[in-house]
C-alpha atoms as a PDB file:
ATOM      1  CA  MET A   1      10.875  -0.809  23.703  1.00  0.00           C
ATOM      2  CA  GLN A   2      11.978   2.758  22.506  1.00  0.00           C
ATOM      3  CA  MET A   3      14.285   3.193  19.263  1.00  0.00           C
ATOM      4  CA  ARG A   4      16.764   6.134  18.691  1.00  0.00           C
ATOM      5  CA  TRP A   5      17.824   5.805  15.435  1.00  0.00           C
ATOM      6  CA  TRP A   6      19.787   8.906  15.219  1.00  0.00           C
ATOM      7  CA  PRO A   7      23.142   8.021  15.971  1.00  0.00           C
ATOM      8  CA  TRP A   8      22.971   5.339  13.566  1.00  0.00           C
ATOM      9  CA  SER A   9      24.404   6.610  10.640  1.00  0.00           C
ATOM     10  CA  SER A  10      28.269   5.790  10.768  1.00  0.00           C
ATOM     11  CA  LEU A  11      26.940   1.634  11.469  1.00  0.00           C
ATOM     12  CA  LEU A  12      24.243   2.129   8.484  1.00  0.00           C
ATOM     13  CA  LEU A  13      26.947   3.507   6.528  1.00  0.00           C
ATOM     14  CA  SER A  14      29.394   0.656   6.968  1.00  0.00           C
ATOM     15  CA  ALA A  15      26.243  -2.083   6.294  1.00  0.00           C
ATOM     16  CA  GLY A  16      25.973  -0.236   2.960  1.00  0.00           C
ATOM     17  CA  MET A  17      22.820   1.049   3.851  1.00  0.00           C
ATOM     18  CA  LEU A  18      23.399   5.112   2.961  1.00  0.00           C
ATOM     19  CA  LEU A  19      25.405   4.441  -0.084  1.00  0.00           C
ATOM     20  CA  GLY A  20      23.973   5.964  -3.007  1.00  0.00           C
ATOM     21  CA  CYS A  21      21.074   8.187  -3.576  1.00  0.00           C
ATOM     22  CA  PHE A  22      17.899   6.552  -2.100  1.00  0.00           C
ATOM     23  CA  PRO A  23      14.507   7.933  -0.649  1.00  0.00           C
ATOM     24  CA  ARG A  24      14.713   9.257   2.758  1.00  0.00           C
ATOM     25  CA  GLY A  25      11.397  10.359   3.810  1.00  0.00           C
ATOM     26  CA  ASP A  26      10.254  13.523   5.428  1.00  0.00           C
ATOM     27  CA  PRO A  27      10.019  12.533   8.893  1.00  0.00           C
ATOM     28  CA  SER A  28       8.780  15.601   9.866  1.00  0.00           C
ATOM     29  CA  GLN A  29       5.222  14.704   8.357  1.00  0.00           C
ATOM     30  CA  PRO A  30       3.549  11.700   8.907  1.00  0.00           C
ATOM     31  CA  ILE A  31       4.578   8.398   7.339  1.00  0.00           C
ATOM     32  CA  PRO A  32       3.192   8.615   3.602  1.00  0.00           C
ATOM     33  CA  THR A  33       0.707   5.620   2.634  1.00  0.00           C
ATOM     34  CA  ALA A  34      -1.289   4.251  -0.962  1.00  0.00           C
ATOM     35  CA  LEU A  35      -4.405   2.027  -0.370  1.00  0.00           C
ATOM     36  CA  VAL A  36      -4.375  -0.297  -3.070  1.00  0.00           C
ATOM     37  CA  PRO A  37      -8.161  -1.067  -2.365  1.00  0.00           C
ATOM     38  CA  ALA A  38      -9.016  -4.825  -2.561  1.00  0.00           C
ATOM     39  CA  PRO A  39     -11.014  -6.204  -5.604  1.00  0.00           C
ATOM     40  CA  GLN A  40     -13.578  -7.751  -3.374  1.00  0.00           C
ATOM     41  CA  PRO A  41     -15.034  -6.803   0.072  1.00  0.00           C
ATOM     42  CA  ALA A  42     -12.195  -6.403   2.539  1.00  0.00           C
ATOM     43  CA  ARG A  43     -11.975  -8.541   5.348  1.00  0.00           C
ATOM     44  CA  ARG A  44      -8.191  -8.636   5.597  1.00  0.00           C
ATOM     45  CA  LEU A  45      -5.437  -5.899   5.378  1.00  0.00           C
ATOM     46  CA  VAL A  46      -1.706  -6.201   4.297  1.00  0.00           C
ATOM     47  CA  VAL A  47       0.980  -3.178   4.852  1.00  0.00           C
ATOM     48  CA  VAL A  48       3.787  -3.345   3.123  1.00  0.00           C
ATOM     49  CA  LEU A  49       7.075  -1.760   4.730  1.00  0.00           C
ATOM     50  CA  PRO A  50       9.875  -0.518   1.643  1.00  0.00           C
ATOM     51  CA  GLY A  51      13.523  -1.671   0.859  1.00  0.00           C
ATOM     52  CA  ARG A  52      15.897   1.408   1.608  1.00  0.00           C
ATOM     53  CA  GLY A  53      15.834   2.059  -2.542  1.00  0.00           C
ATOM     54  CA  ASP A  54      11.600   2.584  -2.698  1.00  0.00           C
ATOM     55  CA  ASP A  55       9.147   5.366  -2.312  1.00  0.00           C
ATOM     56  CA  LEU A  56       5.804   4.731  -2.565  1.00  0.00           C
ATOM     57  CA  ALA A  57       5.938   5.040  -6.880  1.00  0.00           C
ATOM     58  CA  GLY A  58       8.602   2.379  -6.743  1.00  0.00           C
ATOM     59  CA  LEU A  59       6.610  -0.094  -4.334  1.00  0.00           C
ATOM     60  CA  ARG A  60       3.308   0.705  -7.367  1.00  0.00           C
ATOM     61  CA  ARG A  61       6.167  -0.537  -9.526  1.00  0.00           C
ATOM     62  CA  SER A  62       7.411  -3.831  -7.509  1.00  0.00           C
ATOM     63  CA  GLY A  63       3.819  -5.344  -8.432  1.00  0.00           C
ATOM     64  CA  ILE A  64       3.674  -6.419  -4.559  1.00  0.00           C
ATOM     65  CA  ALA A  65       0.336  -5.091  -4.067  1.00  0.00           C
ATOM     66  CA  GLN A  66      -0.878  -7.217  -7.221  1.00  0.00           C
ATOM     67  CA  ALA A  67       1.060 -10.314  -5.851  1.00  0.00           C
ATOM     68  CA  VAL A  68      -0.587  -9.961  -2.143  1.00  0.00           C
ATOM     69  CA  GLN A  69      -4.094  -9.912  -4.422  1.00  0.00           C
ATOM     70  CA  SER A  70      -3.843 -12.106  -6.910  1.00  0.00           C
ATOM     71  CA  ALA A  71      -3.434 -14.424  -3.650  1.00  0.00           C
ATOM     72  CA  TRP A  72      -6.016 -12.915  -1.325  1.00  0.00           C
ATOM     73  CA  PRO A  73      -8.655 -10.609  -3.307  1.00  0.00           C
ATOM     74  CA  ASP A  74     -10.010  -9.902   0.055  1.00  0.00           C
ATOM     75  CA  ALA A  75      -6.973  -7.752   0.997  1.00  0.00           C
ATOM     76  CA  ASP A  76      -6.785  -4.116   0.886  1.00  0.00           C
ATOM     77  CA  VAL A  77      -2.600  -3.184   0.477  1.00  0.00           C
ATOM     78  CA  VAL A  78      -1.358  -0.467   2.076  1.00  0.00           C
ATOM     79  CA  LEU A  79       2.245   0.406   0.656  1.00  0.00           C
ATOM     80  CA  THR A  80       3.964   2.826   2.824  1.00  0.00           C
ATOM     81  CA  GLY A  81       7.064   5.278   3.124  1.00  0.00           C
ATOM     82  CA  LEU A  82       8.896   4.403   6.019  1.00  0.00           C
ATOM     83  CA  ALA A  83      11.876   5.031   4.509  1.00  0.00           C
ATOM     84  CA  LEU A  84      15.287   5.586   6.012  1.00  0.00           C
ATOM     85  CA  GLY A  85      14.970   8.722   7.184  1.00  0.00           C
ATOM     86  CA  TYR A  86      12.395   7.739   9.688  1.00  0.00           C
ATOM     87  CA  TYR A  87      14.816   5.229  11.039  1.00  0.00           C
ATOM     88  CA  LEU A  88      17.376   7.717  11.338  1.00  0.00           C
ATOM     89  CA  ASP A  89      14.971  10.223  13.038  1.00  0.00           C
ATOM     90  CA  GLY A  90      13.684   7.695  15.522  1.00  0.00           C
ATOM     91  CA  ARG A  91      10.462   5.661  16.697  1.00  0.00           C
ATOM     92  CA  PRO A  92       9.968   4.236  13.345  1.00  0.00           C
ATOM     93  CA  GLU A  93       8.124   0.856  14.906  1.00  0.00           C
ATOM     94  CA  GLN A  94       5.838   3.632  17.209  1.00  0.00           C
ATOM     95  CA  ARG A  95       5.372   5.616  14.431  1.00  0.00           C
ATOM     96  CA  LEU A  96       4.341   2.396  11.846  1.00  0.00           C
ATOM     97  CA  HIS A  97       2.082   1.128  14.958  1.00  0.00           C
ATOM     98  CA  GLU A  98       0.278   4.986  15.940  1.00  0.00           C
ATOM     99  CA  GLU A  99       0.194   6.220  12.344  1.00  0.00           C
ATOM    100  CA  VAL A 100      -0.827   2.865  10.174  1.00  0.00           C
ATOM    101  CA  ILE A 101      -1.522  -0.399  12.177  1.00  0.00           C
ATOM    102  CA  LEU A 102      -3.699   1.344  14.762  1.00  0.00           C
ATOM    103  CA  PRO A 103      -5.894   3.358  12.432  1.00  0.00           C
ATOM    104  CA  ALA A 104      -6.055   0.305  10.610  1.00  0.00           C
ATOM    105  CA  ARG A 105      -7.783  -1.977  13.354  1.00  0.00           C
ATOM    106  CA  ARG A 106     -10.147   0.718  14.048  1.00  0.00           C
ATOM    107  CA  ARG A 107     -11.486  -0.625  10.526  1.00  0.00           C
ATOM    108  CA  ALA A 108     -11.877  -4.107  12.040  1.00  0.00           C
ATOM    109  CA  TYR A 109     -10.080  -6.241   9.379  1.00  0.00           C
ATOM    110  CA  ALA A 110     -10.218  -9.750  10.317  1.00  0.00           C
ATOM    111  CA  GLN A 111      -6.560 -10.091  10.154  1.00  0.00           C
ATOM    112  CA  VAL A 112      -3.465  -7.702   9.764  1.00  0.00           C
ATOM    113  CA  TRP A 113      -0.478  -8.720   7.964  1.00  0.00           C
ATOM    114  CA  LEU A 114       2.817  -6.731   7.617  1.00  0.00           C
ATOM    115  CA  VAL A 115       5.161  -7.323   4.387  1.00  0.00           C
ATOM    116  CA  GLY A 116       8.725  -6.125   4.745  1.00  0.00           C
ATOM    117  CA  ALA A 117      11.379  -6.007   2.138  1.00  0.00           C
ATOM    118  CA  SER A 118      15.246  -5.623   2.880  1.00  0.00           C
ATOM    119  CA  LEU A 119      15.154  -2.493   5.456  1.00  0.00           C
ATOM    120  CA  GLY A 120      11.950  -2.856   5.843  1.00  0.00           C
ATOM    121  CA  GLY A 121      12.304  -6.601   7.085  1.00  0.00           C
ATOM    122  CA  THR A 122      14.137  -5.145   9.661  1.00  0.00           C
ATOM    123  CA  GLY A 123      11.475  -2.779  10.568  1.00  0.00           C
ATOM    124  CA  ALA A 124       8.804  -5.558  10.579  1.00  0.00           C
ATOM    125  CA  ILE A 125      10.935  -7.656  13.044  1.00  0.00           C
ATOM    126  CA  LEU A 126      11.670  -4.535  15.334  1.00  0.00           C
ATOM    127  CA  TYR A 127       7.700  -3.776  15.117  1.00  0.00           C
ATOM    128  CA  GLU A 128       7.175  -7.526  16.341  1.00  0.00           C
ATOM    129  CA  ARG A 129       9.487  -7.207  19.165  1.00  0.00           C
ATOM    130  CA  ALA A 130       7.839  -3.504  20.828  1.00  0.00           C
ATOM    131  CA  PHE A 131       4.026  -4.552  19.619  1.00  0.00           C
ATOM    132  CA  PRO A 132       3.852  -8.499  20.277  1.00  0.00           C
ATOM    133  CA  GLN A 133       0.801 -10.370  18.918  1.00  0.00           C
ATOM    134  CA  GLN A 134      -0.338  -7.194  17.088  1.00  0.00           C
ATOM    135  CA  LEU A 135      -0.201  -8.837  13.654  1.00  0.00           C
ATOM    136  CA  THR A 136      -1.819 -12.080  12.246  1.00  0.00           C
ATOM    137  CA  GLY A 137       1.300 -12.821  10.238  1.00  0.00           C
ATOM    138  CA  ILE A 138       4.571 -11.211   9.401  1.00  0.00           C
ATOM    139  CA  VAL A 139       6.262 -11.974   5.828  1.00  0.00           C
ATOM    140  CA  LEU A 140       9.954 -11.159   5.846  1.00  0.00           C
ATOM    141  CA  LEU A 141      11.583 -10.872   2.357  1.00  0.00           C
ATOM    142  CA  ALA A 142      15.368 -10.917   2.411  1.00  0.00           C
ATOM    143  CA  PRO A 143      15.542  -8.744   5.968  1.00  0.00           C
ATOM    144  CA  TYR A 144      18.947  -6.945   6.748  1.00  0.00           C
ATOM    145  CA  LEU A 145      19.665  -8.668  10.232  1.00  0.00           C
ATOM    146  CA  GLY A 146      23.223  -7.174  10.902  1.00  0.00           C
ATOM    147  CA  GLU A 147      26.607  -7.629  10.186  1.00  0.00           C
ATOM    148  CA  GLN A 148      29.332 -10.479  10.148  1.00  0.00           C
ATOM    149  CA  PRO A 149      30.670 -10.010  13.650  1.00  0.00           C
ATOM    150  CA  LEU A 150      27.553 -10.826  15.280  1.00  0.00           C
ATOM    151  CA  LEU A 151      26.698 -13.082  12.416  1.00  0.00           C
ATOM    152  CA  ALA A 152      30.199 -14.906  13.236  1.00  0.00           C
ATOM    153  CA  ARG A 153      29.187 -14.822  16.824  1.00  0.00           C
ATOM    154  CA  ILE A 154      25.845 -16.600  16.526  1.00  0.00           C
ATOM    155  CA  ALA A 155      27.249 -19.292  14.129  1.00  0.00           C
ATOM    156  CA  ALA A 156      30.338 -20.163  16.716  1.00  0.00           C
ATOM    157  CA  ALA A 157      27.759 -20.966  19.535  1.00  0.00           C
ATOM    158  CA  GLY A 158      25.877 -23.218  17.017  1.00  0.00           C
ATOM    159  CA  GLY A 159      23.281 -21.140  16.424  1.00  0.00           C
ATOM    160  CA  ILE A 160      20.487 -19.255  17.821  1.00  0.00           C
ATOM    161  CA  ALA A 161      19.534 -21.564  20.535  1.00  0.00           C
ATOM    162  CA  GLY A 162      23.013 -21.587  21.920  1.00  0.00           C
ATOM    163  CA  TRP A 163      24.116 -17.895  21.459  1.00  0.00           C
ATOM    164  CA  GLU A 164      24.253 -15.929  24.497  1.00  0.00           C
ATOM    165  CA  PRO A 165      23.127 -11.882  24.050  1.00  0.00           C
ATOM    166  CA  PRO A 166      24.449  -9.798  26.452  1.00  0.00           C
ATOM    167  CA  PRO A 167      21.830  -8.122  28.773  1.00  0.00           C
ATOM    168  CA  ALA A 168      18.868  -6.627  27.198  1.00  0.00           C
ATOM    169  CA  PRO A 169      19.065  -2.802  27.068  1.00  0.00           C
ATOM    170  CA  ALA A 170      16.951   0.024  28.330  1.00  0.00           C
ATOM    171  CA  THR A 171      17.261   1.659  24.617  1.00  0.00           C
ATOM    172  CA  THR A 172      18.312   0.370  21.286  1.00  0.00           C
ATOM    173  CA  THR A 173      21.210   2.159  19.907  1.00  0.00           C
ATOM    174  CA  GLY A 174      23.525   1.847  16.953  1.00  0.00           C
ATOM    175  CA  ASP A 175      25.907  -0.194  19.127  1.00  0.00           C
ATOM    176  CA  ASN A 176      23.092  -2.965  20.027  1.00  0.00           C
ATOM    177  CA  PHE A 177      20.194  -2.984  17.665  1.00  0.00           C
ATOM    178  CA  GLN A 178      21.837  -5.838  15.480  1.00  0.00           C
ATOM    179  CA  GLU A 179      21.430  -8.048  18.916  1.00  0.00           C
ATOM    180  CA  VAL A 180      18.106  -6.759  19.522  1.00  0.00           C
ATOM    181  CA  LEU A 181      17.037  -8.340  16.115  1.00  0.00           C
ATOM    182  CA  TRP A 182      18.611 -11.540  16.930  1.00  0.00           C
ATOM    183  CA  ARG A 183      16.739 -11.258  20.644  1.00  0.00           C
ATOM    184  CA  GLN A 184      13.473 -11.283  18.812  1.00  0.00           C
ATOM    185  CA  VAL A 185      14.720 -14.148  16.758  1.00  0.00           C
ATOM    186  CA  GLN A 186      15.687 -16.219  19.575  1.00  0.00           C
ATOM    187  CA  ASP A 187      12.521 -15.566  21.171  1.00  0.00           C
ATOM    188  CA  TRP A 188      10.608 -17.095  18.014  1.00  0.00           C
ATOM    189  CA  SER A 189      13.171 -20.565  18.342  1.00  0.00           C
ATOM    190  CA  ARG A 190      11.752 -20.426  22.037  1.00  0.00           C
ATOM    191  CA  ARG A 191       8.450 -19.858  21.089  1.00  0.00           C
ATOM    192  CA  PRO A 192       6.785 -22.116  18.305  1.00  0.00           C
ATOM    193  CA  GLU A 193       2.933 -20.427  18.246  1.00  0.00           C
ATOM    194  CA  ALA A 194       5.048 -17.314  17.974  1.00  0.00           C
ATOM    195  CA  ALA A 195       7.403 -18.674  14.799  1.00  0.00           C
ATOM    196  CA  ARG A 196       4.031 -19.953  13.332  1.00  0.00           C
ATOM    197  CA  ARG A 197       3.129 -16.631  12.452  1.00  0.00           C
ATOM    198  CA  VAL A 198       6.251 -15.658  10.904  1.00  0.00           C
ATOM    199  CA  TRP A 199       7.101 -16.336   6.950  1.00  0.00           C
ATOM    200  CA  LEU A 200      10.700 -15.823   5.333  1.00  0.00           C
ATOM    201  CA  ALA A 201      11.648 -15.285   1.498  1.00  0.00           C
ATOM    202  CA  TYR A 202      14.907 -14.761  -0.183  1.00  0.00           C
ATOM    203  CA  GLY A 203      17.066 -15.250  -2.885  1.00  0.00           C
ATOM    204  CA  SER A 204      19.331 -17.870  -3.760  1.00  0.00           C
ATOM    205  CA  SER A 205      21.941 -15.221  -4.943  1.00  0.00           C
ATOM    206  CA  ASP A 206      21.034 -12.305  -2.109  1.00  0.00           C
ATOM    207  CA  ARG A 207      23.777 -10.332  -0.556  1.00  0.00           C
ATOM    208  CA  PHE A 208      21.597 -11.111   2.636  1.00  0.00           C
ATOM    209  CA  ARG A 209      21.441 -15.329   2.241  1.00  0.00           C
ATOM    210  CA  ASP A 210      24.069 -16.113   4.605  1.00  0.00           C
ATOM    211  CA  ALA A 211      22.368 -14.103   7.375  1.00  0.00           C
ATOM    212  CA  ASN A 212      18.762 -15.420   6.347  1.00  0.00           C
ATOM    213  CA  ALA A 213      19.884 -18.697   6.273  1.00  0.00           C
ATOM    214  CA  MET A 214      20.648 -18.560  10.144  1.00  0.00           C
ATOM    215  CA  LEU A 215      17.394 -17.390  10.592  1.00  0.00           C
ATOM    216  CA  ALA A 216      15.586 -20.099   8.560  1.00  0.00           C
ATOM    217  CA  PRO A 217      16.113 -22.768  11.190  1.00  0.00           C
ATOM    218  CA  VAL A 218      13.765 -20.917  13.842  1.00  0.00           C
ATOM    219  CA  LEU A 219      10.880 -21.271  11.595  1.00  0.00           C
ATOM    220  CA  PRO A 220       8.478 -24.196  10.310  1.00  0.00           C
ATOM    221  CA  PRO A 221      10.479 -25.336   7.413  1.00  0.00           C
ATOM    222  CA  GLY A 222       7.498 -24.846   4.975  1.00  0.00           C
ATOM    223  CA  GLN A 223       7.471 -21.153   5.737  1.00  0.00           C
ATOM    224  CA  VAL A 224      10.583 -20.506   4.448  1.00  0.00           C
ATOM    225  CA  LEU A 225      10.668 -19.895   0.534  1.00  0.00           C
ATOM    226  CA  VAL A 226      14.435 -19.454  -1.433  1.00  0.00           C
ATOM    227  CA  ARG A 227      13.650 -18.236  -4.983  1.00  0.00           C
ATOM    228  CA  GLU A 228      16.340 -18.036  -7.485  1.00  0.00           C
ATOM    229  CA  GLY A 229      17.513 -14.340  -7.962  1.00  0.00           C
ATOM    230  CA  GLY A 230      18.615 -11.836  -6.246  1.00  0.00           C
ATOM    231  CA  HIS A 231      18.296  -8.679  -3.483  1.00  0.00           C
ATOM    232  CA  ASP A 232      15.127  -7.159  -5.762  1.00  0.00           C
ATOM    233  CA  TRP A 233      11.437  -7.248  -6.302  1.00  0.00           C
ATOM    234  CA  SER A 234      11.229  -9.525  -9.062  1.00  0.00           C
ATOM    235  CA  VAL A 235      12.277 -12.177  -6.328  1.00  0.00           C
ATOM    236  CA  TRP A 236      10.059 -10.546  -3.238  1.00  0.00           C
ATOM    237  CA  SER A 237       6.620 -10.036  -5.539  1.00  0.00           C
ATOM    238  CA  PRO A 238       6.085 -13.442  -6.424  1.00  0.00           C
ATOM    239  CA  ALA A 239       7.245 -15.192  -3.487  1.00  0.00           C
ATOM    240  CA  THR A 240       4.653 -13.153  -1.443  1.00  0.00           C
ATOM    241  CA  ARG A 241       2.058 -14.351  -3.415  1.00  0.00           C
ATOM    242  CA  GLU A 242       3.439 -17.758  -3.024  1.00  0.00           C
ATOM    243  CA  VAL A 243       3.624 -17.148   0.822  1.00  0.00           C
ATOM    244  CA  LEU A 244       0.283 -16.330   1.086  1.00  0.00           C
ATOM    245  CA  GLU A 245      -1.452 -18.840  -1.183  1.00  0.00           C
ATOM    246  CA  ARG A 246       0.832 -21.435   0.884  1.00  0.00           C
ATOM    247  CA  VAL A 247      -1.081 -19.538   4.400  1.00  0.00           C
ATOM    248  CA  GLY A 248      -4.606 -20.381   1.989  1.00  0.00           C
ATOM    249  CA  SER A 249      -7.951 -18.556   2.183  1.00  0.00           C
ATOM    250  CA  GLY A 250      -8.127 -19.045   6.007  1.00  0.00           C
ATOM    251  CA  GLY A 251      -5.094 -17.736   6.748  1.00  0.00           C
END
């Protein structure tokens, strides 16, 4: 499904996604990446998508690479600069696929995982919808899942199973991208084998906790982690380590 995010500025502003001075990246350039090599021979790759406030330097400071490799010392970690500007410019999931995931697959990793925080969690869901079954697993860290009007409609329907989305759009815009996210969640609810590839972690005081709690029942209970804290890496990095330890050495 082709994404066009350029008309979404007003919607993202209303969602608080453009407030403050956050890294936007330069979408005229390739997605920036930084490889953190595995301390052991690498058989897995973990790709990290940033939140709205993260650049590569911020991801390095976050401790996410160390958290991944403390659980999986055989994992290369690729930190990405897929910042807000790439979403607004269009085709973030296509560019992620072409510039990061496909080159990684050529290195013949046994597993490829995607970790997305906040806005990056949104990107991970959209990537999975556009390119199903490309990944071994997905870790969603407090993903942004849309605004209250849609969330209220889903809750009023008794949850995602009872929600009837509008007809599937030909393209994704600022008017329908939230429905696209929740269509993917609904697909997970109907295909348990797909849901088993998805993990969710968020803080008990996270500003997105209510929306994340609506996603949680779709996933196996052991794959939802709620830990003390808010919307930041002090929650997400340790939670990622715990997720990967639960997945285990076999993955």
